Amino acid sequence: MAGTTVPEIYCWNIKIEDLNICLVSSKRGALRIGLSLREKRDSADFFRKRFPNTRLVENYPLNKLLVQAVQAALLNKPFGSTIDFDFSCTPFQWQVLKTIARIPFGETRTYGDVASMVGKPKGARAIGQVMRKNPMPLIFP
């Protein structure tokens, strides 16, 4: 998706207590999840700066699987369906995200642990950078 312009993307908003969860997808798959506390913003407003030349349309059906995955994550439950993604990242970033996704619910790993898991035992800082740019923080926690 990076470097390309699509005429229209689809957003949805989930509000759970003080947590505002903004979701955006294209027809090809999930693009990004944005989180904010106590700040009531709709998804179109939340993503307008990130996708400036794109029409943002509220659409639940195109975000349904992503909504269900987020709700499962917040309930600390596994999500059985496969989500298509439409964001670009390097092979290393994708390897880290897939590794993070395999960590069992309720368990944690340090960035050093994850670095070892991806074959880069001295790469804890690199793992931190991948996680800082993580486009799907509730899917790849």
C-alpha atoms as a PDB file:
ATOM      1  CA  MET A   1       0.000   0.000   0.000  1.00  0.00           C
ATOM      2  CA  ALA A   2       2.891   2.369   0.709  1.00  0.00           C
ATOM      3  CA  GLY A   3       3.544   4.717  -2.162  1.00  0.00           C
ATOM      4  CA  THR A   4       0.251   3.935  -3.860  1.00  0.00           C
ATOM      5  CA  THR A   5      -3.009   5.807  -3.797  1.00  0.00           C
ATOM      6  CA  VAL A   6      -6.317   4.024  -3.682  1.00  0.00           C
ATOM      7  CA  PRO A   7      -9.433   6.088  -4.326  1.00  0.00           C
ATOM      8  CA  GLU A   8     -11.372   4.696  -1.382  1.00  0.00           C
ATOM      9  CA  ILE A   9     -10.714   2.872   1.885  1.00  0.00           C
ATOM     10  CA  TYR A  10     -13.112   1.661   4.512  1.00  0.00           C
ATOM     11  CA  CYS A  11     -13.113   2.513   8.181  1.00  0.00           C
ATOM     12  CA  TRP A  12     -14.929   1.473  11.311  1.00  0.00           C
ATOM     13  CA  ASN A  13     -14.811   2.518  14.933  1.00  0.00           C
ATOM     14  CA  ILE A  14     -15.089   0.487  18.139  1.00  0.00           C
ATOM     15  CA  LYS A  15     -15.495   2.241  21.489  1.00  0.00           C
ATOM     16  CA  ILE A  16     -14.855   0.227  24.654  1.00  0.00           C
ATOM     17  CA  GLU A  17     -14.984   2.335  27.802  1.00  0.00           C
ATOM     18  CA  ASP A  18     -12.165   4.896  27.401  1.00  0.00           C
ATOM     19  CA  LEU A  19     -10.509   3.051  24.511  1.00  0.00           C
ATOM     20  CA  ASN A  20     -11.285   4.273  21.003  1.00  0.00           C
ATOM     21  CA  ILE A  21     -10.232   1.747  18.334  1.00  0.00           C
ATOM     22  CA  CYS A  22     -10.125   2.966  14.741  1.00  0.00           C
ATOM     23  CA  LEU A  23      -9.877   0.403  11.938  1.00  0.00           C
ATOM     24  CA  VAL A  24      -9.223   0.897   8.249  1.00  0.00           C
ATOM     25  CA  SER A  25      -9.171  -1.603   5.388  1.00  0.00           C
ATOM     26  CA  SER A  26      -9.011  -1.628   1.629  1.00  0.00           C
ATOM     27  CA  LYS A  27     -10.791  -4.128  -0.593  1.00  0.00           C
ATOM     28  CA  ARG A  28      -7.565  -6.178  -0.453  1.00  0.00           C
ATOM     29  CA  GLY A  29      -7.353  -6.393   3.336  1.00  0.00           C
ATOM     30  CA  ALA A  30      -6.709  -4.739   6.678  1.00  0.00           C
ATOM     31  CA  LEU A  31      -4.500  -1.645   6.571  1.00  0.00           C
ATOM     32  CA  ARG A  32      -4.159  -0.303  10.079  1.00  0.00           C
ATOM     33  CA  ILE A  33      -5.514  -0.128  13.608  1.00  0.00           C
ATOM     34  CA  GLY A  34      -5.281   3.136  15.526  1.00  0.00           C
ATOM     35  CA  LEU A  35      -5.787   3.465  19.278  1.00  0.00           C
ATOM     36  CA  SER A  36      -6.589   6.468  21.423  1.00  0.00           C
ATOM     37  CA  LEU A  37      -7.635   6.875  25.043  1.00  0.00           C
ATOM     38  CA  ARG A  38     -10.491   9.115  26.153  1.00  0.00           C
ATOM     39  CA  GLU A  39     -10.428  10.948  22.832  1.00  0.00           C
ATOM     40  CA  LYS A  40     -13.615  10.434  20.838  1.00  0.00           C
ATOM     41  CA  ARG A  41     -12.614  10.468  17.186  1.00  0.00           C
ATOM     42  CA  ASP A  42     -14.249   8.693  14.329  1.00  0.00           C
ATOM     43  CA  SER A  43     -12.070   6.496  12.159  1.00  0.00           C
ATOM     44  CA  ALA A  44     -12.261   8.756   9.113  1.00  0.00           C
ATOM     45  CA  ASP A  45     -10.932  11.690  11.145  1.00  0.00           C
ATOM     46  CA  PHE A  46      -8.290   9.502  12.783  1.00  0.00           C
ATOM     47  CA  PHE A  47      -6.853   8.312   9.435  1.00  0.00           C
ATOM     48  CA  ARG A  48      -7.372  11.435   7.298  1.00  0.00           C
ATOM     49  CA  LYS A  49      -3.746  12.630   7.659  1.00  0.00           C
ATOM     50  CA  ARG A  50      -2.279   9.190   6.975  1.00  0.00           C
ATOM     51  CA  PHE A  51      -4.351   8.751   3.794  1.00  0.00           C
ATOM     52  CA  PRO A  52      -4.772  12.363   2.574  1.00  0.00           C
ATOM     53  CA  ASN A  53      -5.860  11.749  -1.030  1.00  0.00           C
ATOM     54  CA  THR A  54      -8.200   8.889  -0.286  1.00  0.00           C
ATOM     55  CA  ARG A  55     -11.925   8.864   0.344  1.00  0.00           C
ATOM     56  CA  LEU A  56     -12.638   7.304   3.753  1.00  0.00           C
ATOM     57  CA  VAL A  57     -15.976   5.504   3.906  1.00  0.00           C
ATOM     58  CA  GLU A  58     -17.568   4.013   6.999  1.00  0.00           C
ATOM     59  CA  ASN A  59     -18.115   0.335   6.189  1.00  0.00           C
ATOM     60  CA  TYR A  60     -18.646  -2.513   8.641  1.00  0.00           C
ATOM     61  CA  PRO A  61     -18.842  -5.458   6.194  1.00  0.00           C
ATOM     62  CA  LEU A  62     -15.333  -4.840   4.810  1.00  0.00           C
ATOM     63  CA  ASN A  63     -13.973  -4.571   8.365  1.00  0.00           C
ATOM     64  CA  LYS A  64     -16.024  -7.384   9.909  1.00  0.00           C
ATOM     65  CA  LEU A  65     -13.184  -9.920  10.293  1.00  0.00           C
ATOM     66  CA  LEU A  66     -10.875  -7.243  11.658  1.00  0.00           C
ATOM     67  CA  VAL A  67     -13.553  -6.111  14.141  1.00  0.00           C
ATOM     68  CA  GLN A  68     -14.055  -9.712  15.261  1.00  0.00           C
ATOM     69  CA  ALA A  69     -10.296 -10.245  15.617  1.00  0.00           C
ATOM     70  CA  VAL A  70      -9.931  -7.079  17.714  1.00  0.00           C
ATOM     71  CA  GLN A  71     -12.849  -8.074  19.930  1.00  0.00           C
ATOM     72  CA  ALA A  72     -11.339 -11.551  20.413  1.00  0.00           C
ATOM     73  CA  ALA A  73      -7.953 -10.027  21.283  1.00  0.00           C
ATOM     74  CA  LEU A  74      -9.545  -7.734  23.865  1.00  0.00           C
ATOM     75  CA  LEU A  75     -11.259 -10.748  25.435  1.00  0.00           C
ATOM     76  CA  ASN A  76      -7.907 -12.584  25.404  1.00  0.00           C
ATOM     77  CA  LYS A  77      -9.319 -15.246  23.098  1.00  0.00           C
ATOM     78  CA  PRO A  78      -7.863 -16.704  19.914  1.00  0.00           C
ATOM     79  CA  PHE A  79      -9.344 -15.704  16.591  1.00  0.00           C
ATOM     80  CA  GLY A  80      -9.832 -18.607  14.221  1.00  0.00           C
ATOM     81  CA  SER A  81     -10.282 -16.871  10.864  1.00  0.00           C
ATOM     82  CA  THR A  82      -7.571 -15.643   8.541  1.00  0.00           C
ATOM     83  CA  ILE A  83      -7.348 -11.915   7.931  1.00  0.00           C
ATOM     84  CA  ASP A  84      -5.956 -10.561   4.678  1.00  0.00           C
ATOM     85  CA  PHE A  85      -3.577  -7.644   5.170  1.00  0.00           C
ATOM     86  CA  ASP A  86      -2.861  -4.753   2.837  1.00  0.00           C
ATOM     87  CA  PHE A  87       0.176  -3.060   4.316  1.00  0.00           C
ATOM     88  CA  SER A  88       3.750  -3.218   3.156  1.00  0.00           C
ATOM     89  CA  CYS A  89       6.687  -4.158   5.302  1.00  0.00           C
ATOM     90  CA  THR A  90      10.098  -5.686   4.857  1.00  0.00           C
ATOM     91  CA  PRO A  91      10.561  -9.462   5.032  1.00  0.00           C
ATOM     92  CA  PHE A  92      12.207  -8.979   8.445  1.00  0.00           C
ATOM     93  CA  GLN A  93       9.274  -6.915   9.748  1.00  0.00           C
ATOM     94  CA  TRP A  94       6.816  -9.527   8.495  1.00  0.00           C
ATOM     95  CA  GLN A  95       8.873 -12.308  10.123  1.00  0.00           C
ATOM     96  CA  VAL A  96       8.754 -10.450  13.451  1.00  0.00           C
ATOM     97  CA  LEU A  97       4.996  -9.832  13.224  1.00  0.00           C
ATOM     98  CA  LYS A  98       4.294 -13.485  12.400  1.00  0.00           C
ATOM     99  CA  THR A  99       6.517 -14.574  15.296  1.00  0.00           C
ATOM    100  CA  ILE A 100       4.751 -12.215  17.701  1.00  0.00           C
ATOM    101  CA  ALA A 101       1.389 -13.594  16.540  1.00  0.00           C
ATOM    102  CA  ARG A 102       2.464 -17.119  17.537  1.00  0.00           C
ATOM    103  CA  ILE A 103       3.107 -16.188  21.171  1.00  0.00           C
ATOM    104  CA  PRO A 104       0.298 -17.848  23.164  1.00  0.00           C
ATOM    105  CA  PHE A 105      -2.383 -15.636  24.671  1.00  0.00           C
ATOM    106  CA  GLY A 106      -1.475 -14.480  28.150  1.00  0.00           C
ATOM    107  CA  GLU A 107       2.251 -15.029  27.661  1.00  0.00           C
ATOM    108  CA  THR A 108       4.877 -12.375  27.071  1.00  0.00           C
ATOM    109  CA  ARG A 109       8.320 -12.308  25.510  1.00  0.00           C
ATOM    110  CA  THR A 110      11.032  -9.686  25.719  1.00  0.00           C
ATOM    111  CA  TYR A 111      12.318  -8.086  22.544  1.00  0.00           C
ATOM    112  CA  GLY A 112      15.495 -10.084  23.162  1.00  0.00           C
ATOM    113  CA  ASP A 113      13.466 -13.299  23.245  1.00  0.00           C
ATOM    114  CA  VAL A 114      11.743 -12.396  19.985  1.00  0.00           C
ATOM    115  CA  ALA A 115      15.087 -11.487  18.418  1.00  0.00           C
ATOM    116  CA  SER A 116      16.385 -14.965  19.254  1.00  0.00           C
ATOM    117  CA  MET A 117      13.189 -16.530  17.914  1.00  0.00           C
ATOM    118  CA  VAL A 118      13.738 -14.863  14.512  1.00  0.00           C
ATOM    119  CA  GLY A 119      17.413 -15.824  14.398  1.00  0.00           C
ATOM    120  CA  LYS A 120      18.846 -12.405  15.342  1.00  0.00           C
ATOM    121  CA  PRO A 121      19.919 -12.911  18.983  1.00  0.00           C
ATOM    122  CA  LYS A 122      21.460  -9.426  19.218  1.00  0.00           C
ATOM    123  CA  GLY A 123      18.558  -7.719  17.468  1.00  0.00           C
ATOM    124  CA  ALA A 124      16.372  -6.627  20.403  1.00  0.00           C
ATOM    125  CA  ARG A 125      16.495  -2.974  19.316  1.00  0.00           C
ATOM    126  CA  ALA A 126      15.480  -3.940  15.779  1.00  0.00           C
ATOM    127  CA  ILE A 127      12.500  -5.832  17.209  1.00  0.00           C
ATOM    128  CA  GLY A 128      11.571  -2.717  19.182  1.00  0.00           C
ATOM    129  CA  GLN A 129      11.621  -0.656  15.986  1.00  0.00           C
ATOM    130  CA  VAL A 130       9.366  -3.154  14.213  1.00  0.00           C
ATOM    131  CA  MET A 131       6.914  -3.048  17.100  1.00  0.00           C
ATOM    132  CA  ARG A 132       7.019   0.760  17.199  1.00  0.00           C
ATOM    133  CA  LYS A 133       5.803   0.794  13.585  1.00  0.00           C
ATOM    134  CA  ASN A 134       3.346  -2.098  14.063  1.00  0.00           C
ATOM    135  CA  PRO A 135       0.243  -1.278  11.964  1.00  0.00           C
ATOM    136  CA  MET A 136      -1.930  -3.833  13.803  1.00  0.00           C
ATOM    137  CA  PRO A 137      -1.109  -3.521  17.523  1.00  0.00           C
ATOM    138  CA  LEU A 138      -4.030  -5.639  18.753  1.00  0.00           C
ATOM    139  CA  ILE A 139      -3.485  -8.341  16.126  1.00  0.00           C
ATOM    140  CA  PHE A 140       0.306  -8.442  16.536  1.00  0.00           C
ATOM    141  CA  PRO A 141       0.655  -7.469  20.219  1.00  0.00           C
END
